[in-house]
């Protein structure tokens, strides 16, 4: 699977409907929705009103990434607001299992995420409990950061482990993804690439999505 999920965080919010419709017309597979609370990460993005606007106009599934403390308080509301998947950070919770159960009970796909400084083996026990893992290839909280090269080895590790255990778990990668490195990230074993500024700041976002999606061919 080689899928692209443009990150709405990099969109022009003064023209959000237009931005959504540009991605609707592209080969993108999802909209990636970054939710930040100013506590777990030192930035604030948006909440339910923007989520509802996305759900109204988006013709592609909404892949929600919660960079927040106490995700258990909000995951059900994001499910109800139209999320296709809801992910949260493993390092933000004591026990992810009850929260994953809340998401599954809504019929929504589950995802666990870790920042670059978190031991990747903390995800190992949950690979068969989630639909997807999200590896941050920058530190969560701000767009426009450079891809951390060490992420490639992490992708290879999880691809090998998921294959060894015959799991259907998808690997998503978020941060510093662009046309130049997309092919290599896919080749390492990623299934879904999140791209923000590389897509939304381009003169032709659809062309960028197309080039990234087919970069591994």
N, C-alpha and C. Protein backbone atom coordinates (compact mmCIF):
# COMPACT_ATOMS: atom_id res chain seq x y z
N UNK A 1 0.84 -1.20 0.00
CA UNK A 1 0.00 0.00 0.00
C UNK A 1 0.88 1.25 0.00
N UNK A 2 0.65 2.14 -0.94
CA UNK A 2 1.37 3.41 -0.98
C UNK A 2 0.33 4.53 -1.00
N UNK A 3 0.07 5.10 0.17
CA UNK A 3 -0.98 6.10 0.32
C UNK A 3 -0.40 7.42 0.80
N UNK A 4 -1.08 8.51 0.45
CA UNK A 4 -0.66 9.85 0.85
C UNK A 4 -1.79 10.50 1.64
N UNK A 5 -1.42 11.12 2.78
CA UNK A 5 -2.39 11.80 3.64
C UNK A 5 -1.92 13.24 3.86
N UNK A 6 -2.38 14.18 3.04
CA UNK A 6 -2.01 15.58 3.24
C UNK A 6 -2.47 16.09 4.61
N UNK A 7 -1.57 16.78 5.31
CA UNK A 7 -1.88 17.28 6.65
C UNK A 7 -2.55 18.65 6.57
N UNK A 8 -3.78 18.71 7.06
CA UNK A 8 -4.57 19.93 6.99
C UNK A 8 -3.92 21.07 7.78
N UNK A 9 -3.03 20.74 8.70
CA UNK A 9 -2.36 21.76 9.50
C UNK A 9 -1.65 22.80 8.63
N UNK A 10 -1.23 22.37 7.43
CA UNK A 10 -0.50 23.26 6.53
C UNK A 10 -1.40 23.97 5.52
N UNK A 11 -2.70 23.74 5.61
CA UNK A 11 -3.63 24.37 4.66
C UNK A 11 -3.81 25.85 4.96
N UNK A 12 -4.34 26.57 3.99
CA UNK A 12 -4.70 27.98 4.16
C UNK A 12 -6.08 28.02 4.81
N UNK A 13 -6.13 28.34 6.10
CA UNK A 13 -7.40 28.28 6.82
C UNK A 13 -8.35 29.42 6.45
N UNK A 14 -7.82 30.43 5.74
CA UNK A 14 -8.68 31.48 5.24
C UNK A 14 -9.49 31.02 4.04
N UNK A 15 -9.05 29.91 3.45
CA UNK A 15 -9.73 29.34 2.28
C UNK A 15 -9.85 27.83 2.44
N UNK A 16 -10.33 27.40 3.61
CA UNK A 16 -10.29 25.99 3.95
C UNK A 16 -11.11 25.13 2.99
N UNK A 17 -12.30 25.59 2.64
CA UNK A 17 -13.12 24.78 1.73
C UNK A 17 -12.42 24.58 0.39
N UNK A 18 -11.80 25.66 -0.13
CA UNK A 18 -11.06 25.55 -1.39
C UNK A 18 -9.90 24.57 -1.25
N UNK A 19 -9.19 24.63 -0.13
CA UNK A 19 -8.06 23.74 0.09
C UNK A 19 -8.51 22.28 0.14
N UNK A 20 -9.63 22.04 0.82
CA UNK A 20 -10.16 20.68 0.91
C UNK A 20 -10.53 20.18 -0.48
N UNK A 21 -11.17 21.02 -1.25
CA UNK A 21 -11.62 20.60 -2.57
C UNK A 21 -10.45 20.33 -3.51
N UNK A 22 -9.35 21.05 -3.33
CA UNK A 22 -8.15 20.77 -4.15
C UNK A 22 -7.62 19.37 -3.86
N UNK A 23 -7.65 18.98 -2.59
CA UNK A 23 -7.19 17.63 -2.23
C UNK A 23 -8.22 16.58 -2.66
N UNK A 24 -9.50 16.91 -2.58
CA UNK A 24 -10.53 15.99 -3.06
C UNK A 24 -10.26 15.57 -4.51
N UNK A 25 -9.77 16.51 -5.31
CA UNK A 25 -9.55 16.27 -6.73
C UNK A 25 -8.21 15.59 -7.02
N UNK A 26 -7.41 15.39 -5.99
CA UNK A 26 -6.09 14.78 -6.16
C UNK A 26 -6.15 13.27 -5.93
N UNK A 27 -5.01 12.62 -6.06
CA UNK A 27 -4.91 11.17 -5.80
C UNK A 27 -4.65 10.87 -4.33
N UNK A 28 -4.74 11.87 -3.48
CA UNK A 28 -4.55 11.64 -2.03
C UNK A 28 -5.56 10.63 -1.52
N UNK A 29 -5.17 9.89 -0.49
CA UNK A 29 -6.04 8.83 0.04
C UNK A 29 -6.78 9.25 1.29
N UNK A 30 -6.21 10.15 2.07
CA UNK A 30 -6.80 10.59 3.33
C UNK A 30 -6.51 12.07 3.55
N UNK A 31 -7.22 12.66 4.49
CA UNK A 31 -6.83 13.93 5.08
C UNK A 31 -6.27 13.62 6.46
N UNK A 32 -5.08 14.12 6.76
CA UNK A 32 -4.49 13.94 8.08
C UNK A 32 -4.84 15.16 8.93
N UNK A 33 -5.41 14.91 10.10
CA UNK A 33 -5.94 15.99 10.94
C UNK A 33 -5.17 16.03 12.25
N UNK A 34 -4.29 17.02 12.41
CA UNK A 34 -3.45 17.16 13.60
C UNK A 34 -4.16 18.01 14.65
N UNK A 35 -4.41 17.43 15.79
CA UNK A 35 -5.09 18.14 16.89
C UNK A 35 -4.09 18.32 18.03
N UNK A 36 -3.81 19.58 18.39
CA UNK A 36 -2.82 19.91 19.42
C UNK A 36 -3.45 20.73 20.53
N UNK A 37 -3.03 20.45 21.77
CA UNK A 37 -3.69 21.09 22.91
C UNK A 37 -2.85 22.16 23.61
N UNK A 38 -1.60 22.38 23.17
CA UNK A 38 -0.75 23.35 23.85
C UNK A 38 -0.15 22.84 25.14
N UNK A 39 -0.43 21.61 25.49
CA UNK A 39 0.10 21.01 26.72
C UNK A 39 1.02 19.84 26.38
N UNK A 40 0.51 18.85 25.67
CA UNK A 40 1.35 17.73 25.24
C UNK A 40 2.41 18.21 24.26
N UNK A 41 2.03 19.14 23.41
CA UNK A 41 2.97 19.79 22.49
C UNK A 41 2.84 21.31 22.68
N UNK A 42 3.90 22.07 22.40
CA UNK A 42 3.87 23.52 22.65
C UNK A 42 3.21 24.30 21.52
N UNK A 43 2.07 23.85 21.09
CA UNK A 43 1.35 24.53 20.02
C UNK A 43 -0.12 24.15 20.14
N UNK A 44 -1.00 24.97 19.56
CA UNK A 44 -2.43 24.71 19.56
C UNK A 44 -2.90 24.75 18.12
N UNK A 45 -3.71 23.78 17.71
CA UNK A 45 -4.18 23.79 16.33
C UNK A 45 -5.66 24.10 16.27
N UNK A 46 -6.50 23.08 16.30
CA UNK A 46 -7.94 23.29 16.14
C UNK A 46 -8.70 22.15 16.79
N UNK A 47 -10.00 22.31 16.89
CA UNK A 47 -10.82 21.30 17.53
C UNK A 47 -12.03 20.92 16.71
N UNK A 48 -13.15 20.75 17.37
CA UNK A 48 -14.32 20.17 16.73
C UNK A 48 -14.96 21.04 15.64
N UNK A 49 -15.00 22.38 15.74
CA UNK A 49 -15.61 23.15 14.64
C UNK A 49 -14.90 22.93 13.31
N UNK A 50 -13.55 22.89 13.32
CA UNK A 50 -12.81 22.64 12.09
C UNK A 50 -13.01 21.19 11.64
N UNK A 51 -13.04 20.28 12.59
CA UNK A 51 -13.28 18.87 12.27
C UNK A 51 -14.62 18.71 11.57
N UNK A 52 -15.61 19.42 12.03
CA UNK A 52 -16.94 19.33 11.42
C UNK A 52 -16.94 19.90 10.00
N UNK A 53 -16.18 20.97 9.79
CA UNK A 53 -16.05 21.53 8.44
C UNK A 53 -15.35 20.54 7.51
N UNK A 54 -14.30 19.91 8.01
CA UNK A 54 -13.60 18.91 7.23
C UNK A 54 -14.54 17.77 6.85
N UNK A 55 -15.30 17.30 7.81
CA UNK A 55 -16.21 16.19 7.57
C UNK A 55 -17.27 16.57 6.54
N UNK A 56 -17.67 17.82 6.55
CA UNK A 56 -18.71 18.30 5.63
C UNK A 56 -18.22 18.30 4.18
N UNK A 57 -16.98 18.72 3.97
CA UNK A 57 -16.49 18.92 2.60
C UNK A 57 -15.54 17.84 2.09
N UNK A 58 -14.88 17.14 3.00
CA UNK A 58 -13.88 16.15 2.57
C UNK A 58 -14.53 14.93 1.93
N UNK A 59 -13.97 14.50 0.83
CA UNK A 59 -14.45 13.29 0.15
C UNK A 59 -13.50 12.12 0.37
N UNK A 60 -12.53 12.33 1.24
CA UNK A 60 -11.58 11.28 1.60
C UNK A 60 -11.61 11.10 3.11
N UNK A 61 -11.28 9.91 3.61
CA UNK A 61 -11.36 9.63 5.04
C UNK A 61 -10.48 10.57 5.87
N UNK A 62 -10.93 10.85 7.09
CA UNK A 62 -10.23 11.74 8.00
C UNK A 62 -9.40 10.92 9.00
N UNK A 63 -8.09 11.09 8.91
CA UNK A 63 -7.12 10.38 9.73
C UNK A 63 -6.69 11.33 10.85
N UNK A 64 -7.24 11.13 12.04
CA UNK A 64 -7.07 12.09 13.14
C UNK A 64 -5.90 11.69 14.04
N UNK A 65 -5.01 12.64 14.28
CA UNK A 65 -3.81 12.44 15.11
C UNK A 65 -3.92 13.38 16.31
N UNK A 66 -4.18 12.81 17.49
CA UNK A 66 -4.34 13.60 18.71
C UNK A 66 -3.00 13.76 19.41
N UNK A 67 -2.50 14.99 19.45
CA UNK A 67 -1.29 15.32 20.20
C UNK A 67 -1.74 16.05 21.45
N UNK A 68 -2.37 15.30 22.34
CA UNK A 68 -3.02 15.90 23.50
C UNK A 68 -2.82 15.02 24.72
N UNK A 69 -2.96 15.63 25.90
CA UNK A 69 -3.03 14.86 27.14
C UNK A 69 -4.48 14.41 27.33
N UNK A 70 -4.68 13.36 28.05
CA UNK A 70 -6.01 12.82 28.34
C UNK A 70 -6.84 12.58 27.08
N UNK A 71 -6.30 11.83 26.11
CA UNK A 71 -7.07 11.57 24.89
C UNK A 71 -8.38 10.82 25.17
N UNK A 72 -8.42 10.10 26.31
CA UNK A 72 -9.64 9.35 26.64
C UNK A 72 -10.86 10.25 26.77
N UNK A 73 -10.64 11.53 27.04
CA UNK A 73 -11.76 12.47 27.18
C UNK A 73 -12.38 12.86 25.84
N UNK A 74 -11.62 12.65 24.76
CA UNK A 74 -12.04 13.23 23.48
C UNK A 74 -12.17 12.24 22.33
N UNK A 75 -11.62 11.04 22.47
CA UNK A 75 -11.60 10.15 21.30
C UNK A 75 -13.01 9.85 20.78
N UNK A 76 -13.97 9.66 21.67
CA UNK A 76 -15.32 9.34 21.21
C UNK A 76 -15.94 10.50 20.44
N UNK A 77 -15.66 11.73 20.87
CA UNK A 77 -16.20 12.89 20.16
C UNK A 77 -15.59 13.02 18.77
N UNK A 78 -14.31 12.71 18.64
CA UNK A 78 -13.71 12.75 17.31
C UNK A 78 -14.26 11.64 16.42
N UNK A 79 -14.53 10.49 17.01
CA UNK A 79 -15.18 9.43 16.25
C UNK A 79 -16.55 9.90 15.75
N UNK A 80 -17.31 10.50 16.64
CA UNK A 80 -18.65 10.98 16.28
C UNK A 80 -18.60 12.12 15.28
N UNK A 81 -17.49 12.86 15.25
CA UNK A 81 -17.35 14.00 14.35
C UNK A 81 -16.93 13.59 12.94
N UNK A 82 -16.75 12.28 12.74
CA UNK A 82 -16.49 11.80 11.38
C UNK A 82 -15.12 11.22 11.13
N UNK A 83 -14.35 10.93 12.18
CA UNK A 83 -13.02 10.36 11.98
C UNK A 83 -13.09 8.96 11.38
N UNK A 84 -12.20 8.69 10.44
CA UNK A 84 -12.01 7.34 9.89
C UNK A 84 -11.06 6.56 10.79
N UNK A 85 -10.05 7.25 11.31
CA UNK A 85 -9.13 6.65 12.28
C UNK A 85 -8.82 7.69 13.33
N UNK A 86 -8.52 7.22 14.54
CA UNK A 86 -8.11 8.11 15.62
C UNK A 86 -6.85 7.54 16.25
N UNK A 87 -5.81 8.35 16.27
CA UNK A 87 -4.55 7.94 16.89
C UNK A 87 -4.18 8.88 18.02
N UNK A 88 -3.44 8.35 18.98
CA UNK A 88 -2.96 9.16 20.10
C UNK A 88 -1.58 8.66 20.49
N UNK A 89 -0.89 9.44 21.30
CA UNK A 89 0.50 9.13 21.64
C UNK A 89 0.59 8.16 22.81
N UNK A 90 1.37 7.11 22.60
CA UNK A 90 1.59 6.12 23.65
C UNK A 90 2.19 6.75 24.90
N UNK A 91 3.09 7.73 24.69
CA UNK A 91 3.76 8.35 25.83
C UNK A 91 2.86 9.33 26.58
N UNK A 92 1.66 9.58 26.07
CA UNK A 92 0.74 10.51 26.74
C UNK A 92 -0.19 9.80 27.72
N UNK A 93 -0.14 8.46 27.76
CA UNK A 93 -1.10 7.71 28.58
C UNK A 93 -0.38 6.64 29.40
N UNK A 94 -1.05 6.21 30.47
CA UNK A 94 -0.51 5.11 31.28
C UNK A 94 -0.81 3.76 30.64
N UNK A 95 -2.03 3.61 30.15
CA UNK A 95 -2.46 2.35 29.55
C UNK A 95 -3.32 2.67 28.33
N UNK A 96 -2.84 2.35 27.13
CA UNK A 96 -3.62 2.70 25.94
C UNK A 96 -4.82 1.80 25.68
N UNK A 97 -4.87 0.63 26.29
CA UNK A 97 -5.88 -0.36 25.93
C UNK A 97 -7.32 0.12 26.13
N UNK A 98 -7.67 0.74 27.27
CA UNK A 98 -9.06 1.21 27.42
C UNK A 98 -9.44 2.27 26.39
N UNK A 99 -8.47 3.09 26.00
CA UNK A 99 -8.75 4.14 25.01
C UNK A 99 -8.93 3.52 23.63
N UNK A 100 -8.10 2.55 23.31
CA UNK A 100 -8.28 1.83 22.05
C UNK A 100 -9.65 1.17 21.99
N UNK A 101 -10.10 0.66 23.12
CA UNK A 101 -11.43 0.03 23.17
C UNK A 101 -12.54 1.03 22.91
N UNK A 102 -12.39 2.25 23.42
CA UNK A 102 -13.39 3.29 23.17
C UNK A 102 -13.49 3.59 21.68
N UNK A 103 -12.34 3.66 21.01
CA UNK A 103 -12.32 3.95 19.58
C UNK A 103 -12.94 2.80 18.79
N UNK A 104 -12.53 1.58 19.11
CA UNK A 104 -13.06 0.41 18.41
C UNK A 104 -14.56 0.29 18.57
N UNK A 105 -15.06 0.63 19.76
CA UNK A 105 -16.50 0.52 20.02
C UNK A 105 -17.31 1.44 19.11
N UNK A 106 -16.66 2.47 18.58
CA UNK A 106 -17.31 3.41 17.66
C UNK A 106 -17.18 2.96 16.21
N UNK A 107 -16.50 1.83 16.00
CA UNK A 107 -16.32 1.34 14.64
C UNK A 107 -15.27 2.11 13.86
N UNK A 108 -14.35 2.76 14.59
CA UNK A 108 -13.32 3.59 13.98
C UNK A 108 -11.96 2.89 14.13
N UNK A 109 -11.10 3.08 13.16
CA UNK A 109 -9.78 2.45 13.18
C UNK A 109 -8.89 3.07 14.25
N UNK A 110 -8.01 2.25 14.79
CA UNK A 110 -7.15 2.67 15.90
C UNK A 110 -5.71 2.88 15.45
N UNK A 111 -5.03 3.80 16.13
CA UNK A 111 -3.64 4.08 15.81
C UNK A 111 -2.91 4.51 17.07
N UNK A 112 -1.69 4.02 17.24
CA UNK A 112 -0.81 4.46 18.31
C UNK A 112 0.40 5.15 17.70
N UNK A 113 0.82 6.24 18.34
CA UNK A 113 1.88 7.09 17.82
C UNK A 113 2.99 7.24 18.86
N UNK A 114 4.23 7.41 18.38
CA UNK A 114 5.34 7.75 19.28
C UNK A 114 6.18 8.86 18.65
N UNK A 115 6.74 9.70 19.50
CA UNK A 115 7.67 10.74 19.08
C UNK A 115 9.05 10.12 18.81
N UNK A 116 9.94 10.84 18.14
CA UNK A 116 11.26 10.28 17.78
C UNK A 116 12.12 9.86 18.96
N UNK A 117 11.91 10.43 20.15
CA UNK A 117 12.77 10.11 21.29
C UNK A 117 12.22 8.98 22.16
N UNK A 118 11.13 8.34 21.73
CA UNK A 118 10.53 7.25 22.49
C UNK A 118 11.07 5.91 21.99
N UNK A 119 11.40 5.02 22.91
CA UNK A 119 11.89 3.68 22.56
C UNK A 119 10.86 2.97 21.70
N UNK A 120 11.25 2.59 20.50
CA UNK A 120 10.29 1.99 19.57
C UNK A 120 9.72 0.67 20.10
N UNK A 121 10.45 0.00 20.96
CA UNK A 121 9.98 -1.30 21.45
C UNK A 121 8.79 -1.17 22.40
N UNK A 122 8.50 0.05 22.83
CA UNK A 122 7.29 0.25 23.63
C UNK A 122 6.04 -0.01 22.80
N UNK A 123 6.17 0.06 21.48
CA UNK A 123 5.02 -0.23 20.61
C UNK A 123 4.83 -1.73 20.37
N UNK A 124 5.87 -2.51 20.57
CA UNK A 124 5.82 -3.94 20.23
C UNK A 124 4.60 -4.67 20.78
N UNK A 125 4.23 -4.48 22.08
CA UNK A 125 3.11 -5.25 22.61
C UNK A 125 1.76 -4.89 21.99
N UNK A 126 1.71 -3.78 21.27
CA UNK A 126 0.42 -3.30 20.76
C UNK A 126 0.25 -3.46 19.26
N UNK A 127 1.25 -4.05 18.60
CA UNK A 127 1.17 -4.16 17.15
C UNK A 127 -0.03 -4.97 16.69
N UNK A 128 -0.44 -5.93 17.51
CA UNK A 128 -1.61 -6.73 17.13
C UNK A 128 -2.90 -6.19 17.74
N UNK A 129 -2.83 -5.03 18.36
CA UNK A 129 -4.00 -4.43 19.01
C UNK A 129 -4.50 -3.18 18.27
N UNK A 130 -3.76 -2.75 17.25
CA UNK A 130 -4.11 -1.52 16.54
C UNK A 130 -4.17 -1.77 15.04
N UNK A 131 -4.89 -0.91 14.35
CA UNK A 131 -4.94 -0.99 12.89
C UNK A 131 -3.71 -0.37 12.26
N UNK A 132 -3.08 0.55 13.00
CA UNK A 132 -1.99 1.32 12.41
C UNK A 132 -1.08 1.85 13.51
N UNK A 133 0.21 1.99 13.18
CA UNK A 133 1.12 2.74 14.05
C UNK A 133 1.59 3.96 13.25
N UNK A 134 1.80 5.05 13.96
CA UNK A 134 2.28 6.29 13.33
C UNK A 134 3.64 6.63 13.93
N UNK A 135 4.66 6.61 13.09
CA UNK A 135 6.01 6.96 13.52
C UNK A 135 6.26 8.42 13.17
N UNK A 136 6.50 9.24 14.19
CA UNK A 136 6.82 10.64 13.96
C UNK A 136 8.28 10.74 13.49
N UNK A 137 8.47 11.34 12.34
CA UNK A 137 9.82 11.53 11.80
C UNK A 137 10.30 12.96 12.03
N UNK A 138 9.54 13.70 12.83
CA UNK A 138 9.93 14.98 13.43
C UNK A 138 9.29 14.98 14.82
N UNK A 139 9.60 15.97 15.64
CA UNK A 139 8.94 16.06 16.93
C UNK A 139 7.57 16.71 16.75
N UNK A 140 6.56 16.09 17.32
CA UNK A 140 5.19 16.55 17.16
C UNK A 140 5.02 17.98 17.65
N UNK A 141 4.22 18.73 16.93
CA UNK A 141 3.87 20.05 17.40
C UNK A 141 3.98 21.18 16.40
N UNK A 142 4.86 21.02 15.40
CA UNK A 142 5.05 22.10 14.42
C UNK A 142 5.27 21.50 13.04
N UNK A 143 4.75 22.17 12.02
CA UNK A 143 4.98 21.76 10.66
C UNK A 143 6.30 22.31 10.14
N UNK A 144 6.74 21.79 8.99
CA UNK A 144 7.91 22.35 8.31
C UNK A 144 9.26 21.88 8.82
N UNK A 145 9.31 20.87 9.72
CA UNK A 145 10.58 20.37 10.22
C UNK A 145 11.21 19.39 9.23
N UNK A 146 12.52 19.20 9.36
CA UNK A 146 13.24 18.27 8.47
C UNK A 146 13.09 16.83 8.96
N UNK A 147 12.96 15.91 8.03
CA UNK A 147 12.85 14.48 8.30
C UNK A 147 14.08 13.99 9.07
N UNK A 148 13.85 13.24 10.15
CA UNK A 148 14.94 12.68 10.95
C UNK A 148 15.38 11.36 10.32
N UNK A 149 16.62 11.27 9.80
CA UNK A 149 17.05 10.09 9.02
C UNK A 149 16.94 8.76 9.77
N UNK A 150 17.11 8.79 11.09
CA UNK A 150 17.05 7.55 11.87
C UNK A 150 15.68 6.88 11.80
N UNK A 151 14.68 7.62 11.35
CA UNK A 151 13.34 7.04 11.22
C UNK A 151 13.33 5.86 10.25
N UNK A 152 14.20 5.89 9.27
CA UNK A 152 14.21 4.83 8.25
C UNK A 152 14.44 3.45 8.88
N UNK A 153 15.36 3.39 9.83
CA UNK A 153 15.64 2.10 10.48
C UNK A 153 14.45 1.65 11.30
N UNK A 154 13.74 2.60 11.91
CA UNK A 154 12.54 2.25 12.67
C UNK A 154 11.47 1.67 11.76
N UNK A 155 11.31 2.26 10.59
CA UNK A 155 10.32 1.75 9.63
C UNK A 155 10.68 0.32 9.23
N UNK A 156 11.96 0.11 8.92
CA UNK A 156 12.40 -1.23 8.52
C UNK A 156 12.16 -2.25 9.63
N UNK A 157 12.43 -1.84 10.87
CA UNK A 157 12.20 -2.74 11.99
C UNK A 157 10.73 -3.16 12.07
N UNK A 158 9.83 -2.18 12.04
CA UNK A 158 8.42 -2.50 12.19
C UNK A 158 7.87 -3.25 10.98
N UNK A 159 8.37 -2.95 9.79
CA UNK A 159 7.94 -3.74 8.62
C UNK A 159 8.33 -5.18 8.79
N UNK A 160 9.56 -5.42 9.26
CA UNK A 160 10.03 -6.79 9.49
C UNK A 160 9.21 -7.48 10.57
N UNK A 161 8.92 -6.77 11.66
CA UNK A 161 8.19 -7.37 12.78
C UNK A 161 6.75 -7.66 12.40
N UNK A 162 6.11 -6.74 11.70
CA UNK A 162 4.72 -6.94 11.28
C UNK A 162 4.63 -8.11 10.30
N UNK A 163 5.60 -8.21 9.40
CA UNK A 163 5.62 -9.33 8.46
C UNK A 163 5.87 -10.64 9.18
N UNK A 164 6.83 -10.63 10.11
CA UNK A 164 7.16 -11.85 10.86
C UNK A 164 5.96 -12.38 11.61
N UNK A 165 5.14 -11.47 12.15
CA UNK A 165 3.98 -11.86 12.94
C UNK A 165 2.71 -11.96 12.10
N UNK A 166 2.84 -11.79 10.81
CA UNK A 166 1.71 -11.90 9.86
C UNK A 166 0.54 -11.01 10.28
N UNK A 167 0.85 -9.76 10.61
CA UNK A 167 -0.16 -8.81 11.06
C UNK A 167 -0.58 -7.89 9.91
N UNK A 168 -1.82 -7.39 9.95
CA UNK A 168 -2.28 -6.45 8.92
C UNK A 168 -1.99 -5.00 9.26
N UNK A 169 -1.28 -4.75 10.36
CA UNK A 169 -1.04 -3.40 10.87
C UNK A 169 -0.32 -2.53 9.84
N UNK A 170 -0.85 -1.34 9.63
CA UNK A 170 -0.25 -0.39 8.69
C UNK A 170 0.79 0.48 9.40
N UNK A 171 1.75 0.96 8.63
CA UNK A 171 2.78 1.88 9.13
C UNK A 171 2.59 3.23 8.45
N UNK A 172 2.38 4.25 9.28
CA UNK A 172 2.24 5.61 8.79
C UNK A 172 3.44 6.42 9.28
N UNK A 173 3.90 7.35 8.46
CA UNK A 173 5.07 8.17 8.81
C UNK A 173 4.70 9.64 8.62
N UNK A 174 5.05 10.46 9.60
CA UNK A 174 4.63 11.86 9.60
C UNK A 174 5.79 12.77 9.98
N UNK A 175 6.15 13.69 9.07
CA UNK A 175 7.13 14.71 9.40
C UNK A 175 8.26 14.83 8.39
N UNK A 176 8.34 15.97 7.72
CA UNK A 176 9.44 16.20 6.80
C UNK A 176 9.38 15.38 5.53
N UNK A 177 8.19 14.88 5.20
CA UNK A 177 8.03 14.05 4.00
C UNK A 177 7.87 14.97 2.78
N UNK A 178 8.59 14.64 1.71
CA UNK A 178 8.51 15.45 0.49
C UNK A 178 8.75 14.58 -0.73
N UNK A 179 8.75 15.19 -1.91
CA UNK A 179 8.94 14.43 -3.15
C UNK A 179 10.29 13.71 -3.16
N UNK A 180 11.33 14.34 -2.61
CA UNK A 180 12.68 13.78 -2.67
C UNK A 180 12.83 12.51 -1.84
N UNK A 181 12.16 12.46 -0.67
CA UNK A 181 12.40 11.30 0.21
C UNK A 181 11.24 10.30 0.25
N UNK A 182 10.12 10.61 -0.40
CA UNK A 182 8.94 9.75 -0.32
C UNK A 182 9.22 8.33 -0.82
N UNK A 183 9.91 8.21 -1.95
CA UNK A 183 10.19 6.89 -2.51
C UNK A 183 10.99 6.02 -1.56
N UNK A 184 11.99 6.61 -0.91
CA UNK A 184 12.81 5.86 0.02
C UNK A 184 12.04 5.44 1.26
N UNK A 185 11.13 6.30 1.72
CA UNK A 185 10.33 5.97 2.90
C UNK A 185 9.37 4.83 2.58
N UNK A 186 8.75 4.88 1.42
CA UNK A 186 7.91 3.76 0.99
C UNK A 186 8.73 2.48 0.87
N UNK A 187 9.91 2.59 0.28
CA UNK A 187 10.75 1.41 0.07
C UNK A 187 11.18 0.78 1.39
N UNK A 188 11.31 1.60 2.43
CA UNK A 188 11.69 1.08 3.75
C UNK A 188 10.55 0.28 4.39
N UNK A 189 9.32 0.49 3.90
CA UNK A 189 8.22 -0.31 4.41
C UNK A 189 7.01 0.47 4.88
N UNK A 190 7.01 1.79 4.70
CA UNK A 190 5.85 2.58 5.11
C UNK A 190 4.67 2.35 4.17
N UNK A 191 3.46 2.45 4.71
CA UNK A 191 2.24 2.31 3.92
C UNK A 191 1.60 3.66 3.61
N UNK A 192 1.66 4.58 4.57
CA UNK A 192 0.99 5.88 4.44
C UNK A 192 1.98 6.98 4.80
N UNK A 193 2.10 7.97 3.95
CA UNK A 193 2.96 9.11 4.23
C UNK A 193 2.10 10.34 4.46
N UNK A 194 2.36 11.02 5.57
CA UNK A 194 1.71 12.29 5.87
C UNK A 194 2.60 13.40 5.33
N UNK A 195 2.01 14.32 4.58
CA UNK A 195 2.78 15.45 4.04
C UNK A 195 1.96 16.71 4.19
N UNK A 196 2.57 17.73 4.77
CA UNK A 196 1.86 18.98 5.01
C UNK A 196 2.28 20.08 4.06
N UNK A 197 3.35 20.79 4.43
CA UNK A 197 3.79 21.93 3.63
C UNK A 197 4.21 21.52 2.23
N UNK A 198 4.75 20.30 2.07
CA UNK A 198 5.17 19.84 0.74
C UNK A 198 3.99 19.81 -0.23
N UNK A 199 2.78 19.56 0.30
CA UNK A 199 1.59 19.50 -0.54
C UNK A 199 0.89 20.85 -0.60
N UNK A 200 0.50 21.37 0.56
CA UNK A 200 -0.35 22.56 0.58
C UNK A 200 0.37 23.84 0.17
N UNK A 201 1.68 23.88 0.30
CA UNK A 201 2.43 25.07 -0.09
C UNK A 201 2.93 25.00 -1.53
N UNK A 202 2.59 23.92 -2.22
CA UNK A 202 3.02 23.75 -3.61
C UNK A 202 2.08 24.51 -4.56
N UNK A 203 2.61 24.91 -5.70
CA UNK A 203 1.78 25.58 -6.71
C UNK A 203 0.73 24.62 -7.25
N UNK A 204 1.07 23.34 -7.32
CA UNK A 204 0.14 22.32 -7.82
C UNK A 204 0.12 21.15 -6.85
N UNK A 205 -0.70 21.23 -5.78
CA UNK A 205 -0.73 20.16 -4.78
C UNK A 205 -1.03 18.78 -5.36
N UNK A 206 -1.92 18.72 -6.33
CA UNK A 206 -2.28 17.42 -6.91
C UNK A 206 -1.09 16.77 -7.60
N UNK A 207 -0.26 17.58 -8.25
CA UNK A 207 0.93 17.05 -8.91
C UNK A 207 1.93 16.51 -7.89
N UNK A 208 2.06 17.20 -6.76
CA UNK A 208 2.95 16.74 -5.70
C UNK A 208 2.45 15.42 -5.11
N UNK A 209 1.15 15.35 -4.83
CA UNK A 209 0.57 14.11 -4.31
C UNK A 209 0.83 12.96 -5.28
N UNK A 210 0.60 13.21 -6.56
CA UNK A 210 0.79 12.17 -7.58
C UNK A 210 2.24 11.70 -7.61
N UNK A 211 3.17 12.65 -7.59
CA UNK A 211 4.59 12.30 -7.65
C UNK A 211 5.01 11.51 -6.42
N UNK A 212 4.53 11.91 -5.24
CA UNK A 212 4.90 11.19 -4.02
C UNK A 212 4.30 9.80 -4.00
N UNK A 213 3.04 9.70 -4.41
CA UNK A 213 2.34 8.42 -4.34
C UNK A 213 2.99 7.38 -5.25
N UNK A 214 3.51 7.83 -6.38
CA UNK A 214 4.09 6.89 -7.36
C UNK A 214 5.61 6.88 -7.30
N UNK A 215 6.18 7.48 -6.27
CA UNK A 215 7.64 7.61 -6.19
C UNK A 215 8.35 6.29 -5.97
N UNK A 216 7.65 5.30 -5.44
CA UNK A 216 8.29 4.02 -5.16
C UNK A 216 8.20 3.05 -6.35
N UNK A 217 7.53 3.46 -7.40
CA UNK A 217 7.35 2.58 -8.55
C UNK A 217 8.60 2.52 -9.40
